[in-house]
Amino acid sequence: MTVARIDARFAKLKAENKAAFVSYIMAGDPDLETSFNVLKGLSETGSDIIELGFPFSDPMAEGPIIQLAAERSLKAGTKIAQVFALASRFREIDADTPLILMGYMNPVENMGYPAFAKACADHGIDGVIVVDCPPEEADGLTDALDAADVALIRLITPTSDEKRLKTLVKRTKGFVYYVSVAGVTGVKEADAQSIAGAVKRVQDAAQLPVVVGFGIKTPERAAEVARIADGAVVGSVLVDALAKSLPGNSPIETKVLETAGILAQAVHNARN
């Protein structure tokens, strides 16, 4: 299904007058089995779309929380082939929830664009966010993803002017990810009212759903974003909840899923 799975999810939510709750975790943090349990639980506790990070040694756009998650994953020996296998395992139990792979160019280039795109499609990945892939250098990757019917999803930042915005949304599919704050993930907090105009501008330029991330830390803030955008992305809060459970007496995923459920409810009820 790939791109069609993303489109179907947003169409369903629009019909219900709801925004999407988009959750993020790092694959292999702290190990692949825990990642699978969290993935499974996220779809069961209200995540409409799941972003699955693949670890890289220099995640330049990430704050300390996700940097440490990448380090834990790499220390556990996680390879991109195992991330694809994790996605396939998830697809065996969930055929509907869109799954987005998020990471950096180096592992993609090491695989080669056609092989990477084919692996995405074969393992049930619907879209890809490659943080450090500028549009001027993206044609090879975009061609390969288009051939596999996998969405290339772009990040739009507050500093993107009108000219840059037109370049960024070109050949973007699925949805657009609006970065609500300047800087790295999990540090500053989003202000929904201050970004409402920018979100509308991106929606008009892209003619796609726009989700907002990089600064949503509380259910209240998630609900505010859900009222002005098509979705709210939460990552660092969930990754931090997992980290604080290491080590713990209860299953590591328990606190992550409790937190995700509360945030999902806040997003889904925001427009009532």
C-alpha atoms as a PDB file:
ATOM      1  CA  MET A   1       0.000   0.000   0.000  1.00  0.00           C
ATOM      2  CA  THR A   2       2.835   2.409   0.915  1.00  0.00           C
ATOM      3  CA  VAL A   3       1.781   6.025   0.072  1.00  0.00           C
ATOM      4  CA  ALA A   4      -1.875   4.967  -0.148  1.00  0.00           C
ATOM      5  CA  ARG A   5      -1.762   3.871   3.499  1.00  0.00           C
ATOM      6  CA  ILE A   6      -0.738   7.400   4.549  1.00  0.00           C
ATOM      7  CA  ASP A   7      -3.419   9.005   2.386  1.00  0.00           C
ATOM      8  CA  ALA A   8      -6.084   6.662   3.756  1.00  0.00           C
ATOM      9  CA  ARG A   9      -5.169   7.443   7.362  1.00  0.00           C
ATOM     10  CA  PHE A  10      -5.400  11.208   6.873  1.00  0.00           C
ATOM     11  CA  ALA A  11      -8.662  10.855   4.948  1.00  0.00           C
ATOM     12  CA  LYS A  12     -10.149   8.823   7.808  1.00  0.00           C
ATOM     13  CA  LEU A  13      -9.058  11.348  10.409  1.00  0.00           C
ATOM     14  CA  LYS A  14     -10.369  14.273   8.354  1.00  0.00           C
ATOM     15  CA  ALA A  15     -13.768  12.591   8.113  1.00  0.00           C
ATOM     16  CA  GLU A  16     -13.757  12.265  11.914  1.00  0.00           C
ATOM     17  CA  ASN A  17     -12.554  15.887  12.374  1.00  0.00           C
ATOM     18  CA  LYS A  18      -9.442  14.705  14.171  1.00  0.00           C
ATOM     19  CA  ALA A  19      -5.756  15.473  13.885  1.00  0.00           C
ATOM     20  CA  ALA A  20      -3.202  12.690  13.647  1.00  0.00           C
ATOM     21  CA  PHE A  21      -1.139  11.663  16.635  1.00  0.00           C
ATOM     22  CA  VAL A  22       2.302  10.859  15.222  1.00  0.00           C
ATOM     23  CA  SER A  23       4.719   9.089  17.557  1.00  0.00           C
ATOM     24  CA  TYR A  24       8.452   8.530  17.190  1.00  0.00           C
ATOM     25  CA  ILE A  25      10.779   5.890  18.623  1.00  0.00           C
ATOM     26  CA  MET A  26      14.331   4.848  17.865  1.00  0.00           C
ATOM     27  CA  ALA A  27      14.635   1.332  16.468  1.00  0.00           C
ATOM     28  CA  GLY A  28      16.818  -0.901  18.603  1.00  0.00           C
ATOM     29  CA  ASP A  29      16.586   1.258  21.719  1.00  0.00           C
ATOM     30  CA  PRO A  30      17.536  -0.383  24.010  1.00  0.00           C
ATOM     31  CA  ASP A  31      17.120  -3.552  21.930  1.00  0.00           C
ATOM     32  CA  LEU A  32      15.053  -4.841  19.022  1.00  0.00           C
ATOM     33  CA  GLU A  33      12.608  -6.857  21.115  1.00  0.00           C
ATOM     34  CA  THR A  34      11.681  -3.827  23.206  1.00  0.00           C
ATOM     35  CA  SER A  35      11.296  -1.800  20.012  1.00  0.00           C
ATOM     36  CA  PHE A  36       8.841  -4.352  18.690  1.00  0.00           C
ATOM     37  CA  ASN A  37       6.810  -4.287  21.896  1.00  0.00           C
ATOM     38  CA  VAL A  38       6.700  -0.490  21.805  1.00  0.00           C
ATOM     39  CA  LEU A  39       5.750  -0.422  18.110  1.00  0.00           C
ATOM     40  CA  LYS A  40       2.917  -2.846  18.716  1.00  0.00           C
ATOM     41  CA  GLY A  41       1.758  -0.913  21.754  1.00  0.00           C
ATOM     42  CA  LEU A  42       1.847   2.470  20.028  1.00  0.00           C
ATOM     43  CA  SER A  43      -0.661   1.399  17.397  1.00  0.00           C
ATOM     44  CA  GLU A  44      -2.852  -0.096  20.132  1.00  0.00           C
ATOM     45  CA  THR A  45      -2.782   3.053  22.291  1.00  0.00           C
ATOM     46  CA  GLY A  46      -3.781   5.549  19.617  1.00  0.00           C
ATOM     47  CA  SER A  47      -0.820   6.372  17.376  1.00  0.00           C
ATOM     48  CA  ASP A  48      -2.148   7.132  13.905  1.00  0.00           C
ATOM     49  CA  ILE A  49       1.301   7.206  12.294  1.00  0.00           C
ATOM     50  CA  ILE A  50       4.571   5.899  13.693  1.00  0.00           C
ATOM     51  CA  GLU A  51       8.001   7.280  12.874  1.00  0.00           C
ATOM     52  CA  LEU A  52      10.727   4.689  13.315  1.00  0.00           C
ATOM     53  CA  GLY A  53      14.195   6.143  13.644  1.00  0.00           C
ATOM     54  CA  PHE A  54      17.184   4.241  12.344  1.00  0.00           C
ATOM     55  CA  PRO A  55      20.346   4.945  14.341  1.00  0.00           C
ATOM     56  CA  PHE A  56      23.223   7.000  13.051  1.00  0.00           C
ATOM     57  CA  SER A  57      26.409   8.044  14.834  1.00  0.00           C
ATOM     58  CA  ASP A  58      26.019  11.771  14.104  1.00  0.00           C
ATOM     59  CA  PRO A  59      22.315  12.705  14.352  1.00  0.00           C
ATOM     60  CA  MET A  60      22.870  16.441  13.912  1.00  0.00           C
ATOM     61  CA  ALA A  61      19.228  17.546  14.158  1.00  0.00           C
ATOM     62  CA  GLU A  62      18.560  15.679  17.385  1.00  0.00           C
ATOM     63  CA  GLY A  63      18.748  16.902  20.943  1.00  0.00           C
ATOM     64  CA  PRO A  64      20.438  14.980  23.768  1.00  0.00           C
ATOM     65  CA  ILE A  65      17.501  12.618  24.387  1.00  0.00           C
ATOM     66  CA  ILE A  66      17.401  11.140  20.884  1.00  0.00           C
ATOM     67  CA  GLN A  67      21.183  11.293  20.517  1.00  0.00           C
ATOM     68  CA  LEU A  68      21.452   9.020  23.545  1.00  0.00           C
ATOM     69  CA  ALA A  69      18.791   6.722  22.092  1.00  0.00           C
ATOM     70  CA  ALA A  70      20.846   6.392  18.904  1.00  0.00           C
ATOM     71  CA  GLU A  71      23.913   5.603  20.997  1.00  0.00           C
ATOM     72  CA  ARG A  72      22.051   2.896  22.928  1.00  0.00           C
ATOM     73  CA  SER A  73      20.785   1.385  19.689  1.00  0.00           C
ATOM     74  CA  LEU A  74      24.198   1.374  18.045  1.00  0.00           C
ATOM     75  CA  LYS A  75      25.747  -0.082  21.200  1.00  0.00           C
ATOM     76  CA  ALA A  76      23.196  -2.901  20.974  1.00  0.00           C
ATOM     77  CA  GLY A  77      24.456  -3.569  17.443  1.00  0.00           C
ATOM     78  CA  THR A  78      21.425  -2.381  15.491  1.00  0.00           C
ATOM     79  CA  LYS A  79      21.931  -2.397  11.712  1.00  0.00           C
ATOM     80  CA  ILE A  80      19.583  -1.015   9.097  1.00  0.00           C
ATOM     81  CA  ALA A  81      18.773  -4.546   7.904  1.00  0.00           C
ATOM     82  CA  GLN A  82      17.458  -5.277  11.398  1.00  0.00           C
ATOM     83  CA  VAL A  83      15.355  -2.111  11.292  1.00  0.00           C
ATOM     84  CA  PHE A  84      13.706  -3.358   8.099  1.00  0.00           C
ATOM     85  CA  ALA A  85      13.136  -6.757   9.709  1.00  0.00           C
ATOM     86  CA  LEU A  86      11.517  -4.999  12.671  1.00  0.00           C
ATOM     87  CA  ALA A  87       9.164  -3.178  10.293  1.00  0.00           C
ATOM     88  CA  SER A  88       8.209  -6.466   8.618  1.00  0.00           C
ATOM     89  CA  ARG A  89       7.460  -8.027  11.974  1.00  0.00           C
ATOM     90  CA  PHE A  90       5.211  -5.086  12.812  1.00  0.00           C
ATOM     91  CA  ARG A  91       3.412  -5.412   9.476  1.00  0.00           C
ATOM     92  CA  GLU A  92       2.514  -9.003  10.287  1.00  0.00           C
ATOM     93  CA  ILE A  93       0.259  -7.752  13.099  1.00  0.00           C
ATOM     94  CA  ASP A  94      -0.723  -4.292  11.782  1.00  0.00           C
ATOM     95  CA  ALA A  95      -1.566  -3.776   8.131  1.00  0.00           C
ATOM     96  CA  ASP A  96      -3.053  -0.296   8.506  1.00  0.00           C
ATOM     97  CA  THR A  97      -0.880   2.027  10.592  1.00  0.00           C
ATOM     98  CA  PRO A  98       1.480   4.063   8.388  1.00  0.00           C
ATOM     99  CA  LEU A  99       5.131   3.510   9.245  1.00  0.00           C
ATOM    100  CA  ILE A 100       7.687   6.211   8.445  1.00  0.00           C
ATOM    101  CA  LEU A 101      11.425   5.579   8.493  1.00  0.00           C
ATOM    102  CA  MET A 102      13.403   8.579   9.789  1.00  0.00           C
ATOM    103  CA  GLY A 103      17.140   9.064   9.764  1.00  0.00           C
ATOM    104  CA  TYR A 104      20.187  10.330   7.892  1.00  0.00           C
ATOM    105  CA  MET A 105      21.736   9.953   4.446  1.00  0.00           C
ATOM    106  CA  ASN A 106      24.857   7.962   5.243  1.00  0.00           C
ATOM    107  CA  PRO A 107      23.172   4.555   5.785  1.00  0.00           C
ATOM    108  CA  VAL A 108      20.911   5.209   2.770  1.00  0.00           C
ATOM    109  CA  GLU A 109      23.851   5.953   0.496  1.00  0.00           C
ATOM    110  CA  ASN A 110      25.703   2.897   1.778  1.00  0.00           C
ATOM    111  CA  MET A 111      22.789   0.704   0.674  1.00  0.00           C
ATOM    112  CA  GLY A 112      22.267   2.541  -2.605  1.00  0.00           C
ATOM    113  CA  TYR A 113      19.053   4.344  -3.466  1.00  0.00           C
ATOM    114  CA  PRO A 114      17.292   1.589  -5.461  1.00  0.00           C
ATOM    115  CA  ALA A 115      18.096  -1.073  -2.862  1.00  0.00           C
ATOM    116  CA  PHE A 116      16.998   1.201  -0.022  1.00  0.00           C
ATOM    117  CA  ALA A 117      13.721   2.105  -1.728  1.00  0.00           C
ATOM    118  CA  LYS A 118      12.967  -1.525  -2.568  1.00  0.00           C
ATOM    119  CA  ALA A 119      13.674  -2.582   1.014  1.00  0.00           C
ATOM    120  CA  CYS A 120      11.263   0.080   2.269  1.00  0.00           C
ATOM    121  CA  ALA A 121       8.478  -1.174   0.022  1.00  0.00           C
ATOM    122  CA  ASP A 122       9.205  -4.849   0.682  1.00  0.00           C
ATOM    123  CA  HIS A 123       9.142  -4.372   4.465  1.00  0.00           C
ATOM    124  CA  GLY A 124       6.026  -2.234   4.728  1.00  0.00           C
ATOM    125  CA  ILE A 125       7.598   1.214   5.111  1.00  0.00           C
ATOM    126  CA  ASP A 126       5.248   3.866   3.723  1.00  0.00           C
ATOM    127  CA  GLY A 127       7.419   6.954   3.806  1.00  0.00           C
ATOM    128  CA  VAL A 128      10.907   8.212   4.530  1.00  0.00           C
ATOM    129  CA  ILE A 129      12.231  11.337   6.241  1.00  0.00           C
ATOM    130  CA  VAL A 130      15.927  11.880   5.551  1.00  0.00           C
ATOM    131  CA  VAL A 131      16.910  14.824   7.700  1.00  0.00           C
ATOM    132  CA  ASP A 132      20.125  15.820   5.928  1.00  0.00           C
ATOM    133  CA  CYS A 133      19.016  15.358   2.311  1.00  0.00           C
ATOM    134  CA  PRO A 134      18.583  18.787   0.650  1.00  0.00           C
ATOM    135  CA  PRO A 135      16.145  18.881  -2.293  1.00  0.00           C
ATOM    136  CA  GLU A 136      18.906  20.022  -4.647  1.00  0.00           C
ATOM    137  CA  GLU A 137      20.637  16.667  -4.106  1.00  0.00           C
ATOM    138  CA  ALA A 138      17.573  14.459  -3.736  1.00  0.00           C
ATOM    139  CA  ASP A 139      16.639  13.508  -7.301  1.00  0.00           C
ATOM    140  CA  GLY A 140      18.311  10.104  -7.215  1.00  0.00           C
ATOM    141  CA  LEU A 141      16.692   9.120  -3.942  1.00  0.00           C
ATOM    142  CA  THR A 142      13.336  10.606  -4.931  1.00  0.00           C
ATOM    143  CA  ASP A 143      13.340   8.745  -8.251  1.00  0.00           C
ATOM    144  CA  ALA A 144      14.018   5.458  -6.458  1.00  0.00           C
ATOM    145  CA  LEU A 145      11.325   6.069  -3.827  1.00  0.00           C
ATOM    146  CA  ASP A 146       8.794   7.135  -6.457  1.00  0.00           C
ATOM    147  CA  ALA A 147       9.448   3.914  -8.380  1.00  0.00           C
ATOM    148  CA  ALA A 148       8.743   1.945  -5.197  1.00  0.00           C
ATOM    149  CA  ASP A 149       5.691   4.097  -4.324  1.00  0.00           C
ATOM    150  CA  VAL A 150       7.268   5.192  -1.055  1.00  0.00           C
ATOM    151  CA  ALA A 151       6.737   8.788   0.073  1.00  0.00           C
ATOM    152  CA  LEU A 152       9.624  11.187   0.529  1.00  0.00           C
ATOM    153  CA  ILE A 153       8.493  13.453   3.364  1.00  0.00           C
ATOM    154  CA  ARG A 154      10.118  16.841   3.749  1.00  0.00           C
ATOM    155  CA  LEU A 155      10.966  18.906   6.797  1.00  0.00           C
ATOM    156  CA  ILE A 156       9.968  22.581   6.561  1.00  0.00           C
ATOM    157  CA  THR A 157      11.497  24.995   9.064  1.00  0.00           C
ATOM    158  CA  PRO A 158      10.516  28.459  10.334  1.00  0.00           C
ATOM    159  CA  THR A 159      13.346  29.948   8.243  1.00  0.00           C
ATOM    160  CA  SER A 160      12.017  28.577   4.922  1.00  0.00           C
ATOM    161  CA  ASP A 161      10.967  31.564   2.794  1.00  0.00           C
ATOM    162  CA  GLU A 162       8.442  31.423  -0.067  1.00  0.00           C
ATOM    163  CA  LYS A 163      11.016  30.511  -2.703  1.00  0.00           C
ATOM    164  CA  ARG A 164      12.547  27.810  -0.545  1.00  0.00           C
ATOM    165  CA  LEU A 165       9.130  26.469   0.409  1.00  0.00           C
ATOM    166  CA  LYS A 166       8.235  25.873  -3.245  1.00  0.00           C
ATOM    167  CA  THR A 167      11.462  23.921  -3.704  1.00  0.00           C
ATOM    168  CA  LEU A 168      10.939  21.857  -0.559  1.00  0.00           C
ATOM    169  CA  VAL A 169       7.375  20.750  -1.290  1.00  0.00           C
ATOM    170  CA  LYS A 170       8.163  19.711  -4.840  1.00  0.00           C
ATOM    171  CA  ARG A 171       7.875  15.912  -5.180  1.00  0.00           C
ATOM    172  CA  THR A 172       6.873  15.571  -1.529  1.00  0.00           C
ATOM    173  CA  LYS A 173       4.208  12.955  -0.842  1.00  0.00           C
ATOM    174  CA  GLY A 174       2.129  11.747   2.103  1.00  0.00           C
ATOM    175  CA  PHE A 175       2.475  14.764   4.359  1.00  0.00           C
ATOM    176  CA  VAL A 176       4.822  17.602   5.251  1.00  0.00           C
ATOM    177  CA  TYR A 177       6.588  17.826   8.601  1.00  0.00           C
ATOM    178  CA  TYR A 178       6.719  21.398   9.925  1.00  0.00           C
ATOM    179  CA  VAL A 179       9.519  22.002  12.422  1.00  0.00           C
ATOM    180  CA  SER A 180       7.904  24.325  14.939  1.00  0.00           C
ATOM    181  CA  VAL A 181      11.070  25.660  16.568  1.00  0.00           C
ATOM    182  CA  ALA A 182      14.569  26.474  15.402  1.00  0.00           C
ATOM    183  CA  GLY A 183      17.214  24.129  16.755  1.00  0.00           C
ATOM    184  CA  VAL A 184      17.345  20.454  17.663  1.00  0.00           C
ATOM    185  CA  THR A 185      14.627  18.106  18.885  1.00  0.00           C
ATOM    186  CA  GLY A 186      13.358  18.023  22.437  1.00  0.00           C
ATOM    187  CA  VAL A 187      14.839  21.298  23.712  1.00  0.00           C
ATOM    188  CA  LYS A 188      12.518  24.236  22.994  1.00  0.00           C
ATOM    189  CA  GLU A 189       8.728  24.108  23.239  1.00  0.00           C
ATOM    190  CA  ALA A 190       6.278  24.776  20.404  1.00  0.00           C
ATOM    191  CA  ASP A 191       3.892  27.735  20.540  1.00  0.00           C
ATOM    192  CA  ALA A 192       0.829  26.798  18.515  1.00  0.00           C
ATOM    193  CA  GLN A 193      -0.511  30.313  18.092  1.00  0.00           C
ATOM    194  CA  SER A 194       2.765  31.701  16.793  1.00  0.00           C
ATOM    195  CA  ILE A 195       3.024  29.010  14.095  1.00  0.00           C
ATOM    196  CA  ALA A 196      -0.614  28.914  12.939  1.00  0.00           C
ATOM    197  CA  GLY A 197       0.063  31.233  10.004  1.00  0.00           C
ATOM    198  CA  ALA A 198       3.126  29.272   8.931  1.00  0.00           C
ATOM    199  CA  VAL A 199       1.222  25.988   9.047  1.00  0.00           C
ATOM    200  CA  LYS A 200      -1.499  27.428   6.800  1.00  0.00           C
ATOM    201  CA  ARG A 201       1.150  28.722   4.400  1.00  0.00           C
ATOM    202  CA  VAL A 202       2.743  25.274   4.145  1.00  0.00           C
ATOM    203  CA  GLN A 203      -0.651  23.579   3.703  1.00  0.00           C
ATOM    204  CA  ASP A 204      -1.461  25.906   0.813  1.00  0.00           C
ATOM    205  CA  ALA A 205       1.932  25.441  -0.839  1.00  0.00           C
ATOM    206  CA  ALA A 206       2.088  21.663  -0.484  1.00  0.00           C
ATOM    207  CA  GLN A 207      -1.598  20.756  -0.853  1.00  0.00           C
ATOM    208  CA  LEU A 208      -0.843  17.987   1.634  1.00  0.00           C
ATOM    209  CA  PRO A 209      -1.494  17.425   5.334  1.00  0.00           C
ATOM    210  CA  VAL A 210       0.971  19.235   7.587  1.00  0.00           C
ATOM    211  CA  VAL A 211       2.101  17.745  10.894  1.00  0.00           C
ATOM    212  CA  VAL A 212       4.002  19.749  13.498  1.00  0.00           C
ATOM    213  CA  GLY A 213       6.858  18.498  15.638  1.00  0.00           C
ATOM    214  CA  PHE A 214      10.150  19.323  17.412  1.00  0.00           C
ATOM    215  CA  GLY A 215       8.648  20.993  20.476  1.00  0.00           C
ATOM    216  CA  ILE A 216       5.591  19.174  21.797  1.00  0.00           C
ATOM    217  CA  LYS A 217       6.130  18.050  25.374  1.00  0.00           C
ATOM    218  CA  THR A 218       2.716  17.999  27.071  1.00  0.00           C
ATOM    219  CA  PRO A 219      -0.847  16.859  26.316  1.00  0.00           C
ATOM    220  CA  GLU A 220      -1.961  20.503  26.494  1.00  0.00           C
ATOM    221  CA  ARG A 221       0.571  21.588  23.885  1.00  0.00           C
ATOM    222  CA  ALA A 222      -0.268  18.595  21.694  1.00  0.00           C
ATOM    223  CA  ALA A 223      -3.950  19.552  21.776  1.00  0.00           C
ATOM    224  CA  GLU A 224      -3.154  23.157  20.858  1.00  0.00           C
ATOM    225  CA  VAL A 225      -1.161  21.989  17.837  1.00  0.00           C
ATOM    226  CA  ALA A 226      -3.929  19.564  16.838  1.00  0.00           C
ATOM    227  CA  ARG A 227      -6.318  22.491  16.506  1.00  0.00           C
ATOM    228  CA  ILE A 228      -4.192  24.307  13.928  1.00  0.00           C
ATOM    229  CA  ALA A 229      -2.439  21.469  12.067  1.00  0.00           C
ATOM    230  CA  ASP A 230      -3.260  18.080  10.565  1.00  0.00           C
ATOM    231  CA  GLY A 231      -1.162  16.250  13.121  1.00  0.00           C
ATOM    232  CA  ALA A 232       1.140  16.545  16.133  1.00  0.00           C
ATOM    233  CA  VAL A 233       4.456  14.694  16.356  1.00  0.00           C
ATOM    234  CA  VAL A 234       5.863  13.602  19.698  1.00  0.00           C
ATOM    235  CA  GLY A 235       9.274  11.980  19.928  1.00  0.00           C
ATOM    236  CA  SER A 236      11.639  13.139  22.640  1.00  0.00           C
ATOM    237  CA  VAL A 237       9.036  12.797  25.407  1.00  0.00           C
ATOM    238  CA  LEU A 238       8.425   9.157  24.482  1.00  0.00           C
ATOM    239  CA  VAL A 239      12.108   8.343  24.069  1.00  0.00           C
ATOM    240  CA  ASP A 240      12.812   9.984  27.424  1.00  0.00           C
ATOM    241  CA  ALA A 241      10.068   7.937  29.095  1.00  0.00           C
ATOM    242  CA  LEU A 242      11.765   4.803  27.810  1.00  0.00           C
ATOM    243  CA  ALA A 243      15.190   5.964  28.962  1.00  0.00           C
ATOM    244  CA  LYS A 244      13.913   6.665  32.467  1.00  0.00           C
ATOM    245  CA  SER A 245      12.660   3.071  32.654  1.00  0.00           C
ATOM    246  CA  LEU A 246      16.215   1.722  32.207  1.00  0.00           C
ATOM    247  CA  PRO A 247      16.688  -0.328  34.244  1.00  0.00           C
ATOM    248  CA  GLY A 248      13.342  -0.970  35.876  1.00  0.00           C
ATOM    249  CA  ASN A 249      11.263  -3.646  37.513  1.00  0.00           C
ATOM    250  CA  SER A 250       8.274  -3.242  35.183  1.00  0.00           C
ATOM    251  CA  PRO A 251       8.511  -3.829  31.428  1.00  0.00           C
ATOM    252  CA  ILE A 252      10.493  -0.990  29.842  1.00  0.00           C
ATOM    253  CA  GLU A 253       7.687  -0.160  27.420  1.00  0.00           C
ATOM    254  CA  THR A 254       5.024   0.430  30.104  1.00  0.00           C
ATOM    255  CA  LYS A 255       5.747   4.122  30.785  1.00  0.00           C
ATOM    256  CA  VAL A 256       6.276   4.895  27.090  1.00  0.00           C
ATOM    257  CA  LEU A 257       2.878   3.509  26.172  1.00  0.00           C
ATOM    258  CA  GLU A 258       1.115   5.185  29.080  1.00  0.00           C
ATOM    259  CA  THR A 259       2.573   8.517  27.968  1.00  0.00           C
ATOM    260  CA  ALA A 260       1.682   7.886  24.321  1.00  0.00           C
ATOM    261  CA  GLY A 261      -1.893   6.999  25.225  1.00  0.00           C
ATOM    262  CA  ILE A 262      -2.397  10.245  27.153  1.00  0.00           C
ATOM    263  CA  LEU A 263      -0.952  12.312  24.316  1.00  0.00           C
ATOM    264  CA  ALA A 264      -3.000  10.477  21.688  1.00  0.00           C
ATOM    265  CA  GLN A 265      -6.188  11.143  23.624  1.00  0.00           C
ATOM    266  CA  ALA A 266      -5.325  14.822  23.907  1.00  0.00           C
ATOM    267  CA  VAL A 267      -4.762  15.108  20.154  1.00  0.00           C
ATOM    268  CA  HIS A 268      -7.893  13.164  19.208  1.00  0.00           C
ATOM    269  CA  ASN A 269     -10.129  15.155  21.559  1.00  0.00           C
ATOM    270  CA  ALA A 270      -8.658  18.568  20.754  1.00  0.00           C
ATOM    271  CA  ARG A 271     -11.366  19.619  18.287  1.00  0.00           C
ATOM    272  CA  ASN A 272     -14.371  18.438  20.300  1.00  0.00           C
END
